[in-house]
Amino acid sequence: MRVLVLGNDTPVGYSISAFANPLRRHELIGVSMDGTRWARPRQVRRVVRDAAPDVVLDTRIVTQIDSSDRIGQREVQRTAWLADACEREGASYFYLSSAFVFSGKMTRPYLESDTPDVTGGLGGVLLDIENILTSRLDDVFILRLGRLFAGRRPNALCTALDTLRRSQTVQVSDRLQGNPVHVGEVARVCMGILDQMSTGADRYGVFHYCSLGETGYLDFAEAAMACASQYEPFVNARKLLQNETNDNQSVLNHTLECSKIRREFGIQQLPWRHFIDRAVTRYLELYVKAEGVIDK
């Protein structure tokens, strides 16, 4: 299939290219984040028309959650333009969304059948985008993900490592809970779904995916710092990790139930802990190695 990847220079976009290109099962056409900052609908129509994709894979929004770029109504509008262009050209839409469409008040993992209940803020914009797509398209596949982490910016792990390199404390709390997911896992899952779409699987529906192992943000940070502290820039990482857990605060749970994607696509969850070392090592290669020798 011809797959138009929006945001091919995001952490998810890079991982998708690295995973898919050696397999040569699909033809990927990439558009950078800068190339998706459209000002008019005709620019969007031209991109989709020229690419003539079978599927548009949209990584733009989920990557911006932890970036300095604020997700606002401009992105909602651009997504509406994209939906119109896909309908016009007969392309399916594969949208990467987030667990943050839920308020986090539920104590059990969220199912696809649960009604998103976030109000306002980032989650409200994410939900607006989902609603735009489902109201305008029949062939829209929404994959909600746990919070992303990677060794390539932007994401919360890289922000924490940047902070530690400045010898500043990183404050985290276990009152924030969920299942983080490495961008390499996202690439594996997306390619598995696209493979099955190319052989006739449905190109619509809402699915959840996050890595195996519900955790609090403090527990995740401790695992990441344990790995990072092996390397010279982060030998004091553990000392700079500050526990901000307050038992008087309510727990925000963004854990996702992932049995539906396993049942319908045969996609199994892998533990997020398996990807911590990979993410930290990639960060060192991209942002530290050029500045000097890394000791382990």
C-alpha atoms as a PDB file:
ATOM      1  CA  MET A   1       0.000   0.000   0.000  1.00  0.00           C
ATOM      2  CA  ARG A   2       0.949   3.628  -0.430  1.00  0.00           C
ATOM      3  CA  VAL A   3       1.073   5.220   3.022  1.00  0.00           C
ATOM      4  CA  LEU A   4       1.343   8.973   3.519  1.00  0.00           C
ATOM      5  CA  VAL A   5       3.090   9.503   6.878  1.00  0.00           C
ATOM      6  CA  LEU A   6       2.364  12.926   8.339  1.00  0.00           C
ATOM      7  CA  GLY A   7       5.151  13.920  10.711  1.00  0.00           C
ATOM      8  CA  ASN A   8       7.830  11.590   9.367  1.00  0.00           C
ATOM      9  CA  ASP A   9      10.474  13.552  11.297  1.00  0.00           C
ATOM     10  CA  THR A  10       8.780  12.981  14.678  1.00  0.00           C
ATOM     11  CA  PRO A  11      10.048  10.248  17.034  1.00  0.00           C
ATOM     12  CA  VAL A  12       7.166   8.041  15.877  1.00  0.00           C
ATOM     13  CA  GLY A  13       7.788   8.906  12.222  1.00  0.00           C
ATOM     14  CA  TYR A  14      11.474   7.996  12.424  1.00  0.00           C
ATOM     15  CA  SER A  15      10.637   4.694  14.121  1.00  0.00           C
ATOM     16  CA  ILE A  16       8.031   3.837  11.501  1.00  0.00           C
ATOM     17  CA  SER A  17      10.543   4.434   8.701  1.00  0.00           C
ATOM     18  CA  ALA A  18      13.245   2.414  10.478  1.00  0.00           C
ATOM     19  CA  PHE A  19      10.847  -0.489  11.024  1.00  0.00           C
ATOM     20  CA  ALA A  20       9.050  -0.471   7.672  1.00  0.00           C
ATOM     21  CA  ASN A  21      11.699   0.349   5.072  1.00  0.00           C
ATOM     22  CA  PRO A  22      13.764  -2.862   5.400  1.00  0.00           C
ATOM     23  CA  LEU A  23      10.585  -4.946   5.038  1.00  0.00           C
ATOM     24  CA  ARG A  24       9.475  -3.184   1.828  1.00  0.00           C
ATOM     25  CA  ARG A  25       5.853  -4.170   2.330  1.00  0.00           C
ATOM     26  CA  HIS A  26       4.525  -0.646   1.878  1.00  0.00           C
ATOM     27  CA  GLU A  27       5.564   2.474   0.036  1.00  0.00           C
ATOM     28  CA  LEU A  28       5.979   5.289   2.567  1.00  0.00           C
ATOM     29  CA  ILE A  29       5.640   8.914   1.483  1.00  0.00           C
ATOM     30  CA  GLY A  30       6.721  11.273   4.253  1.00  0.00           C
ATOM     31  CA  VAL A  31       5.764  14.845   5.145  1.00  0.00           C
ATOM     32  CA  SER A  32       7.743  16.667   7.848  1.00  0.00           C
ATOM     33  CA  MET A  33       6.105  18.505  10.732  1.00  0.00           C
ATOM     34  CA  ASP A  34       6.983  21.835   9.127  1.00  0.00           C
ATOM     35  CA  GLY A  35       5.331  20.573   5.948  1.00  0.00           C
ATOM     36  CA  THR A  36       2.064  19.975   7.836  1.00  0.00           C
ATOM     37  CA  ARG A  37       1.642  23.518   9.132  1.00  0.00           C
ATOM     38  CA  TRP A  38      -0.888  24.305   6.432  1.00  0.00           C
ATOM     39  CA  ALA A  39      -2.552  27.709   6.269  1.00  0.00           C
ATOM     40  CA  ARG A  40      -5.238  26.868   3.687  1.00  0.00           C
ATOM     41  CA  PRO A  41      -7.270  23.776   2.784  1.00  0.00           C
ATOM     42  CA  ARG A  42      -6.052  23.730  -0.807  1.00  0.00           C
ATOM     43  CA  GLN A  43      -2.498  23.068   0.463  1.00  0.00           C
ATOM     44  CA  VAL A  44      -3.780  19.953   2.209  1.00  0.00           C
ATOM     45  CA  ARG A  45      -5.727  18.811  -0.840  1.00  0.00           C
ATOM     46  CA  ARG A  46      -2.601  19.161  -2.974  1.00  0.00           C
ATOM     47  CA  VAL A  47      -0.487  17.045  -0.607  1.00  0.00           C
ATOM     48  CA  VAL A  48      -3.037  14.241  -0.469  1.00  0.00           C
ATOM     49  CA  ARG A  49      -3.787  14.387  -4.192  1.00  0.00           C
ATOM     50  CA  ASP A  50      -0.111  14.302  -5.211  1.00  0.00           C
ATOM     51  CA  ALA A  51       0.695  11.424  -2.853  1.00  0.00           C
ATOM     52  CA  ALA A  52      -2.396   9.423  -3.912  1.00  0.00           C
ATOM     53  CA  PRO A  53      -2.172   7.269  -0.759  1.00  0.00           C
ATOM     54  CA  ASP A  54      -4.240   4.282   0.196  1.00  0.00           C
ATOM     55  CA  VAL A  55      -3.850   5.314   3.846  1.00  0.00           C
ATOM     56  CA  VAL A  56      -2.875   8.555   5.583  1.00  0.00           C
ATOM     57  CA  LEU A  57      -0.995   7.777   8.811  1.00  0.00           C
ATOM     58  CA  ASP A  58      -1.154  10.840  11.063  1.00  0.00           C
ATOM     59  CA  THR A  59       1.558  11.009  13.756  1.00  0.00           C
ATOM     60  CA  ARG A  60       1.426  14.806  14.146  1.00  0.00           C
ATOM     61  CA  ILE A  61      -0.749  15.273  17.177  1.00  0.00           C
ATOM     62  CA  VAL A  62       0.375  12.543  19.562  1.00  0.00           C
ATOM     63  CA  THR A  63       4.015  13.635  19.245  1.00  0.00           C
ATOM     64  CA  GLN A  64       3.189  17.238  20.132  1.00  0.00           C
ATOM     65  CA  ILE A  65       1.708  16.278  23.515  1.00  0.00           C
ATOM     66  CA  ASP A  66       5.133  16.593  25.173  1.00  0.00           C
ATOM     67  CA  SER A  67       6.581  19.240  22.864  1.00  0.00           C
ATOM     68  CA  SER A  68       6.809  22.998  23.296  1.00  0.00           C
ATOM     69  CA  ASP A  69       4.286  23.388  20.462  1.00  0.00           C
ATOM     70  CA  ARG A  70       0.840  23.892  21.931  1.00  0.00           C
ATOM     71  CA  ILE A  71      -1.908  21.750  20.422  1.00  0.00           C
ATOM     72  CA  GLY A  72      -4.852  24.031  19.777  1.00  0.00           C
ATOM     73  CA  GLN A  73      -7.782  24.708  17.526  1.00  0.00           C
ATOM     74  CA  ARG A  74      -5.472  25.296  14.577  1.00  0.00           C
ATOM     75  CA  GLU A  75      -4.665  21.574  14.573  1.00  0.00           C
ATOM     76  CA  VAL A  76      -8.351  20.747  14.834  1.00  0.00           C
ATOM     77  CA  GLN A  77      -8.952  22.815  11.716  1.00  0.00           C
ATOM     78  CA  ARG A  78      -6.055  21.226   9.838  1.00  0.00           C
ATOM     79  CA  THR A  79      -7.384  17.784  10.726  1.00  0.00           C
ATOM     80  CA  ALA A  80     -10.786  18.747   9.343  1.00  0.00           C
ATOM     81  CA  TRP A  81      -9.081  19.773   6.089  1.00  0.00           C
ATOM     82  CA  LEU A  82      -7.270  16.440   6.040  1.00  0.00           C
ATOM     83  CA  ALA A  83     -10.500  14.531   6.579  1.00  0.00           C
ATOM     84  CA  ASP A  84     -12.114  16.364   3.662  1.00  0.00           C
ATOM     85  CA  ALA A  85      -9.086  15.691   1.440  1.00  0.00           C
ATOM     86  CA  CYS A  86      -9.082  11.979   2.326  1.00  0.00           C
ATOM     87  CA  GLU A  87     -12.780  11.677   1.567  1.00  0.00           C
ATOM     88  CA  ARG A  88     -12.238  13.446  -1.762  1.00  0.00           C
ATOM     89  CA  GLU A  89      -9.337  11.183  -2.780  1.00  0.00           C
ATOM     90  CA  GLY A  90     -10.740   7.962  -1.344  1.00  0.00           C
ATOM     91  CA  ALA A  91      -7.928   7.488   1.184  1.00  0.00           C
ATOM     92  CA  SER A  92      -8.364   5.863   4.593  1.00  0.00           C
ATOM     93  CA  TYR A  93      -7.262   7.799   7.683  1.00  0.00           C
ATOM     94  CA  PHE A  94      -5.117   6.155  10.385  1.00  0.00           C
ATOM     95  CA  TYR A  95      -4.940   8.533  13.338  1.00  0.00           C
ATOM     96  CA  LEU A  96      -2.698   8.154  16.383  1.00  0.00           C
ATOM     97  CA  SER A  97      -4.535   9.489  19.412  1.00  0.00           C
ATOM     98  CA  SER A  98      -3.896   9.326  23.149  1.00  0.00           C
ATOM     99  CA  ALA A  99      -5.188   8.000  26.458  1.00  0.00           C
ATOM    100  CA  PHE A 100      -5.523  11.648  27.473  1.00  0.00           C
ATOM    101  CA  VAL A 101      -8.995  11.797  25.881  1.00  0.00           C
ATOM    102  CA  PHE A 102     -10.036  10.260  29.216  1.00  0.00           C
ATOM    103  CA  SER A 103     -10.174  12.220  32.467  1.00  0.00           C
ATOM    104  CA  GLY A 104      -8.191   9.611  34.407  1.00  0.00           C
ATOM    105  CA  LYS A 105     -10.849   9.304  37.120  1.00  0.00           C
ATOM    106  CA  MET A 106     -11.684   5.660  36.420  1.00  0.00           C
ATOM    107  CA  THR A 107      -9.927   3.084  38.603  1.00  0.00           C
ATOM    108  CA  ARG A 108      -9.888   0.295  36.014  1.00  0.00           C
ATOM    109  CA  PRO A 109      -8.201   0.376  32.573  1.00  0.00           C
ATOM    110  CA  TYR A 110     -10.162   2.266  29.942  1.00  0.00           C
ATOM    111  CA  LEU A 111     -11.958   0.282  27.252  1.00  0.00           C
ATOM    112  CA  GLU A 112     -12.578   1.446  23.693  1.00  0.00           C
ATOM    113  CA  SER A 113     -16.291   1.431  24.525  1.00  0.00           C
ATOM    114  CA  ASP A 114     -15.840   3.908  27.387  1.00  0.00           C
ATOM    115  CA  THR A 115     -16.992   7.412  26.524  1.00  0.00           C
ATOM    116  CA  PRO A 116     -14.111   9.914  26.603  1.00  0.00           C
ATOM    117  CA  ASP A 117     -14.905  12.266  29.468  1.00  0.00           C
ATOM    118  CA  VAL A 118     -12.129  14.849  29.482  1.00  0.00           C
ATOM    119  CA  THR A 119     -13.224  18.467  29.559  1.00  0.00           C
ATOM    120  CA  GLY A 120     -11.069  21.277  28.193  1.00  0.00           C
ATOM    121  CA  GLY A 121      -7.319  21.606  27.978  1.00  0.00           C
ATOM    122  CA  LEU A 122      -5.104  19.284  25.959  1.00  0.00           C
ATOM    123  CA  GLY A 123      -7.474  16.330  26.298  1.00  0.00           C
ATOM    124  CA  GLY A 124     -10.355  18.438  25.046  1.00  0.00           C
ATOM    125  CA  VAL A 125      -8.463  19.283  21.862  1.00  0.00           C
ATOM    126  CA  LEU A 126      -7.509  15.646  21.352  1.00  0.00           C
ATOM    127  CA  LEU A 127     -11.145  14.668  21.714  1.00  0.00           C
ATOM    128  CA  ASP A 128     -12.251  17.414  19.307  1.00  0.00           C
ATOM    129  CA  ILE A 129      -9.887  15.964  16.703  1.00  0.00           C
ATOM    130  CA  GLU A 130     -11.270  12.452  17.174  1.00  0.00           C
ATOM    131  CA  ASN A 131     -14.811  13.767  16.839  1.00  0.00           C
ATOM    132  CA  ILE A 132     -13.957  15.691  13.665  1.00  0.00           C
ATOM    133  CA  LEU A 133     -12.603  12.530  12.066  1.00  0.00           C
ATOM    134  CA  THR A 134     -15.416  10.191  13.067  1.00  0.00           C
ATOM    135  CA  SER A 135     -18.085  12.680  12.006  1.00  0.00           C
ATOM    136  CA  ARG A 136     -16.606  13.209   8.528  1.00  0.00           C
ATOM    137  CA  LEU A 137     -15.113   9.854   7.547  1.00  0.00           C
ATOM    138  CA  ASP A 138     -16.259   6.261   7.365  1.00  0.00           C
ATOM    139  CA  ASP A 139     -12.764   4.810   6.942  1.00  0.00           C
ATOM    140  CA  VAL A 140     -11.038   6.280   9.993  1.00  0.00           C
ATOM    141  CA  PHE A 141      -8.935   4.068  12.246  1.00  0.00           C
ATOM    142  CA  ILE A 142      -8.155   5.605  15.653  1.00  0.00           C
ATOM    143  CA  LEU A 143      -5.361   4.103  17.733  1.00  0.00           C
ATOM    144  CA  ARG A 144      -5.178   5.542  21.243  1.00  0.00           C
ATOM    145  CA  LEU A 145      -1.751   5.174  22.823  1.00  0.00           C
ATOM    146  CA  GLY A 146      -0.247   5.364  26.282  1.00  0.00           C
ATOM    147  CA  ARG A 147       2.200   8.191  26.925  1.00  0.00           C
ATOM    148  CA  LEU A 148       5.093   7.972  24.498  1.00  0.00           C
ATOM    149  CA  PHE A 149       8.758   7.771  25.409  1.00  0.00           C
ATOM    150  CA  ALA A 150      11.841   7.680  23.206  1.00  0.00           C
ATOM    151  CA  GLY A 151      15.465   8.734  22.978  1.00  0.00           C
ATOM    152  CA  ARG A 152      14.590  11.370  20.399  1.00  0.00           C
ATOM    153  CA  ARG A 153      12.962  14.664  21.368  1.00  0.00           C
ATOM    154  CA  PRO A 154      10.273  15.678  22.088  1.00  0.00           C
ATOM    155  CA  ASN A 155       8.923  13.489  24.879  1.00  0.00           C
ATOM    156  CA  ALA A 156       8.861  13.492  28.673  1.00  0.00           C
ATOM    157  CA  LEU A 157      11.841  11.140  29.058  1.00  0.00           C
ATOM    158  CA  CYS A 158      14.091  13.395  26.973  1.00  0.00           C
ATOM    159  CA  THR A 159      12.868  16.431  28.898  1.00  0.00           C
ATOM    160  CA  ALA A 160      13.832  14.720  32.151  1.00  0.00           C
ATOM    161  CA  LEU A 161      17.279  13.757  30.814  1.00  0.00           C
ATOM    162  CA  ASP A 162      17.827  17.314  29.570  1.00  0.00           C
ATOM    163  CA  THR A 163      16.976  18.576  33.063  1.00  0.00           C
ATOM    164  CA  LEU A 164      19.372  16.136  34.730  1.00  0.00           C
ATOM    165  CA  ARG A 165      22.219  17.208  32.440  1.00  0.00           C
ATOM    166  CA  ARG A 166      21.753  20.709  33.869  1.00  0.00           C
ATOM    167  CA  SER A 167      22.068  19.175  37.373  1.00  0.00           C
ATOM    168  CA  GLN A 168      18.494  20.189  38.172  1.00  0.00           C
ATOM    169  CA  THR A 169      15.947  18.083  40.015  1.00  0.00           C
ATOM    170  CA  VAL A 170      13.192  16.161  38.246  1.00  0.00           C
ATOM    171  CA  GLN A 171       9.902  16.110  40.111  1.00  0.00           C
ATOM    172  CA  VAL A 172       7.532  13.209  39.519  1.00  0.00           C
ATOM    173  CA  SER A 173       4.569  11.623  41.262  1.00  0.00           C
ATOM    174  CA  ASP A 174       3.095   8.145  41.406  1.00  0.00           C
ATOM    175  CA  ARG A 175      -0.364   9.692  41.638  1.00  0.00           C
ATOM    176  CA  LEU A 176      -0.109   9.883  37.834  1.00  0.00           C
ATOM    177  CA  GLN A 177      -0.451   6.375  36.427  1.00  0.00           C
ATOM    178  CA  GLY A 178      -0.603   4.649  33.081  1.00  0.00           C
ATOM    179  CA  ASN A 179       1.205   2.361  30.671  1.00  0.00           C
ATOM    180  CA  PRO A 180       4.015   4.137  28.785  1.00  0.00           C
ATOM    181  CA  VAL A 181       4.846   2.990  25.279  1.00  0.00           C
ATOM    182  CA  HIS A 182       8.108   3.272  23.350  1.00  0.00           C
ATOM    183  CA  VAL A 183       7.921   4.706  19.839  1.00  0.00           C
ATOM    184  CA  GLY A 184       9.501   1.520  18.472  1.00  0.00           C
ATOM    185  CA  GLU A 185       6.495  -0.362  19.822  1.00  0.00           C
ATOM    186  CA  VAL A 186       4.171   2.109  18.128  1.00  0.00           C
ATOM    187  CA  ALA A 187       5.951   1.451  14.819  1.00  0.00           C
ATOM    188  CA  ARG A 188       5.592  -2.320  15.247  1.00  0.00           C
ATOM    189  CA  VAL A 189       1.904  -2.010  16.024  1.00  0.00           C
ATOM    190  CA  CYS A 190       1.179   0.416  13.164  1.00  0.00           C
ATOM    191  CA  MET A 191       2.963  -1.778  10.636  1.00  0.00           C
ATOM    192  CA  GLY A 192       1.136  -4.854  11.877  1.00  0.00           C
ATOM    193  CA  ILE A 193      -2.188  -3.103  11.392  1.00  0.00           C
ATOM    194  CA  LEU A 194      -1.228  -1.754   7.962  1.00  0.00           C
ATOM    195  CA  ASP A 195      -0.108  -5.240   6.868  1.00  0.00           C
ATOM    196  CA  GLN A 196      -3.549  -6.590   7.720  1.00  0.00           C
ATOM    197  CA  MET A 197      -5.345  -3.628   6.156  1.00  0.00           C
ATOM    198  CA  SER A 198      -3.526  -4.411   2.914  1.00  0.00           C
ATOM    199  CA  THR A 199      -5.036  -7.911   2.943  1.00  0.00           C
ATOM    200  CA  GLY A 200      -8.594  -6.784   3.613  1.00  0.00           C
ATOM    201  CA  ALA A 201      -8.853  -5.982   7.322  1.00  0.00           C
ATOM    202  CA  ASP A 202     -11.242  -3.209   8.309  1.00  0.00           C
ATOM    203  CA  ARG A 203      -9.871   0.316   8.054  1.00  0.00           C
ATOM    204  CA  TYR A 204     -12.125   1.792  10.695  1.00  0.00           C
ATOM    205  CA  GLY A 205     -12.708   1.541  14.424  1.00  0.00           C
ATOM    206  CA  VAL A 206     -11.194   2.628  17.732  1.00  0.00           C
ATOM    207  CA  PHE A 207      -8.402   0.605  19.351  1.00  0.00           C
ATOM    208  CA  HIS A 208      -6.068   0.946  22.322  1.00  0.00           C
ATOM    209  CA  TYR A 209      -2.403   0.090  22.663  1.00  0.00           C
ATOM    210  CA  CYS A 210       0.087   0.628  25.440  1.00  0.00           C
ATOM    211  CA  SER A 211       2.997  -1.420  26.676  1.00  0.00           C
ATOM    212  CA  LEU A 212       2.639  -4.127  29.301  1.00  0.00           C
ATOM    213  CA  GLY A 213       2.956  -3.005  32.901  1.00  0.00           C
ATOM    214  CA  GLU A 214       0.838  -0.388  34.621  1.00  0.00           C
ATOM    215  CA  THR A 215       3.067   2.042  36.494  1.00  0.00           C
ATOM    216  CA  GLY A 216       3.250   5.396  38.206  1.00  0.00           C
ATOM    217  CA  TYR A 217       5.377   8.186  36.795  1.00  0.00           C
ATOM    218  CA  LEU A 218       7.783   7.922  39.745  1.00  0.00           C
ATOM    219  CA  ASP A 219       8.305   4.204  39.187  1.00  0.00           C
ATOM    220  CA  PHE A 220       8.908   4.829  35.474  1.00  0.00           C
ATOM    221  CA  ALA A 221      11.367   7.631  36.242  1.00  0.00           C
ATOM    222  CA  GLU A 222      13.259   5.460  38.738  1.00  0.00           C
ATOM    223  CA  ALA A 223      13.637   2.721  36.113  1.00  0.00           C
ATOM    224  CA  ALA A 224      14.882   5.260  33.561  1.00  0.00           C
ATOM    225  CA  MET A 225      17.308   6.850  36.038  1.00  0.00           C
ATOM    226  CA  ALA A 226      18.674   3.447  37.062  1.00  0.00           C
ATOM    227  CA  CYS A 227      19.620   2.902  33.434  1.00  0.00           C
ATOM    228  CA  ALA A 228      20.872   6.439  32.813  1.00  0.00           C
ATOM    229  CA  SER A 229      23.032   6.514  35.950  1.00  0.00           C
ATOM    230  CA  GLN A 230      25.388   3.981  34.329  1.00  0.00           C
ATOM    231  CA  TYR A 231      26.608   6.747  32.043  1.00  0.00           C
ATOM    232  CA  GLU A 232      28.865   9.658  32.913  1.00  0.00           C
ATOM    233  CA  PRO A 233      26.421  12.517  32.278  1.00  0.00           C
ATOM    234  CA  PHE A 234      23.898  10.972  34.681  1.00  0.00           C
ATOM    235  CA  VAL A 235      25.876   9.427  37.548  1.00  0.00           C
ATOM    236  CA  ASN A 236      23.923  11.573  40.030  1.00  0.00           C
ATOM    237  CA  ALA A 237      20.574  11.027  38.344  1.00  0.00           C
ATOM    238  CA  ARG A 238      18.997   9.156  41.236  1.00  0.00           C
ATOM    239  CA  LYS A 239      19.904  11.892  43.710  1.00  0.00           C
ATOM    240  CA  LEU A 240      18.190  14.480  41.510  1.00  0.00           C
ATOM    241  CA  LEU A 241      14.932  12.542  41.278  1.00  0.00           C
ATOM    242  CA  GLN A 242      12.394  14.103  43.633  1.00  0.00           C
ATOM    243  CA  ASN A 243       9.273  12.276  44.773  1.00  0.00           C
ATOM    244  CA  GLU A 244       6.316  14.639  44.598  1.00  0.00           C
ATOM    245  CA  THR A 245       3.728  11.996  45.450  1.00  0.00           C
ATOM    246  CA  ASN A 246       1.029  13.472  47.674  1.00  0.00           C
ATOM    247  CA  ASP A 247      -1.356  10.977  49.237  1.00  0.00           C
ATOM    248  CA  ASN A 248      -3.993  13.694  49.520  1.00  0.00           C
ATOM    249  CA  GLN A 249      -4.138  14.063  45.739  1.00  0.00           C
ATOM    250  CA  SER A 250      -6.463  11.866  43.718  1.00  0.00           C
ATOM    251  CA  VAL A 251      -4.904   9.327  41.361  1.00  0.00           C
ATOM    252  CA  LEU A 252      -5.110  10.086  37.646  1.00  0.00           C
ATOM    253  CA  ASN A 253      -5.231   6.775  35.824  1.00  0.00           C
ATOM    254  CA  HIS A 254      -4.639   6.682  32.059  1.00  0.00           C
ATOM    255  CA  THR A 255      -4.207   2.925  31.781  1.00  0.00           C
ATOM    256  CA  LEU A 256      -5.659   1.418  28.604  1.00  0.00           C
ATOM    257  CA  GLU A 257      -7.227  -2.010  28.157  1.00  0.00           C
ATOM    258  CA  CYS A 258      -5.651  -3.588  25.065  1.00  0.00           C
ATOM    259  CA  SER A 259      -7.468  -6.901  24.625  1.00  0.00           C
ATOM    260  CA  LYS A 260      -9.422  -5.699  21.583  1.00  0.00           C
ATOM    261  CA  ILE A 261      -6.328  -5.100  19.421  1.00  0.00           C
ATOM    262  CA  ARG A 262      -4.944  -8.468  20.510  1.00  0.00           C
ATOM    263  CA  ARG A 263      -8.202 -10.196  19.675  1.00  0.00           C
ATOM    264  CA  GLU A 264      -8.799  -8.557  16.278  1.00  0.00           C
ATOM    265  CA  PHE A 265      -5.222  -8.051  15.031  1.00  0.00           C
ATOM    266  CA  GLY A 266      -3.228 -10.577  17.047  1.00  0.00           C
ATOM    267  CA  ILE A 267      -0.980  -7.818  18.425  1.00  0.00           C
ATOM    268  CA  GLN A 268       0.604  -8.680  21.766  1.00  0.00           C
ATOM    269  CA  GLN A 269       1.799  -6.172  24.344  1.00  0.00           C
ATOM    270  CA  LEU A 270       5.469  -6.091  25.293  1.00  0.00           C
ATOM    271  CA  PRO A 271       6.788  -4.741  28.630  1.00  0.00           C
ATOM    272  CA  TRP A 272       7.825  -1.077  28.583  1.00  0.00           C
ATOM    273  CA  ARG A 273      10.840  -1.914  30.765  1.00  0.00           C
ATOM    274  CA  HIS A 274      12.415  -3.752  27.810  1.00  0.00           C
ATOM    275  CA  PHE A 275      12.738  -0.424  25.973  1.00  0.00           C
ATOM    276  CA  ILE A 276      14.216   1.839  28.665  1.00  0.00           C
ATOM    277  CA  ASP A 277      17.852   1.046  27.882  1.00  0.00           C
ATOM    278  CA  ARG A 278      17.181   1.462  24.166  1.00  0.00           C
ATOM    279  CA  ALA A 279      15.670   4.913  24.719  1.00  0.00           C
ATOM    280  CA  VAL A 280      18.440   6.154  27.007  1.00  0.00           C
ATOM    281  CA  THR A 281      21.151   4.841  24.676  1.00  0.00           C
ATOM    282  CA  ARG A 282      19.517   6.586  21.734  1.00  0.00           C
ATOM    283  CA  TYR A 283      19.382   9.852  23.679  1.00  0.00           C
ATOM    284  CA  LEU A 284      23.103   9.570  24.396  1.00  0.00           C
ATOM    285  CA  GLU A 285      23.871   8.932  20.732  1.00  0.00           C
ATOM    286  CA  LEU A 286      21.800  11.867  19.510  1.00  0.00           C
ATOM    287  CA  TYR A 287      22.500  14.533  22.112  1.00  0.00           C
ATOM    288  CA  VAL A 288      25.540  13.629  24.238  1.00  0.00           C
ATOM    289  CA  LYS A 289      28.048  11.618  22.213  1.00  0.00           C
ATOM    290  CA  ALA A 290      29.078  14.565  20.019  1.00  0.00           C
ATOM    291  CA  GLU A 291      30.066  16.520  23.139  1.00  0.00           C
ATOM    292  CA  GLY A 292      32.592  14.016  24.458  1.00  0.00           C
ATOM    293  CA  VAL A 293      33.323  10.428  25.446  1.00  0.00           C
ATOM    294  CA  ILE A 294      30.555   8.565  27.229  1.00  0.00           C
ATOM    295  CA  ASP A 295      31.807   6.377  30.053  1.00  0.00           C
ATOM    296  CA  LYS A 296      29.867   3.383  31.227  1.00  0.00           C
END
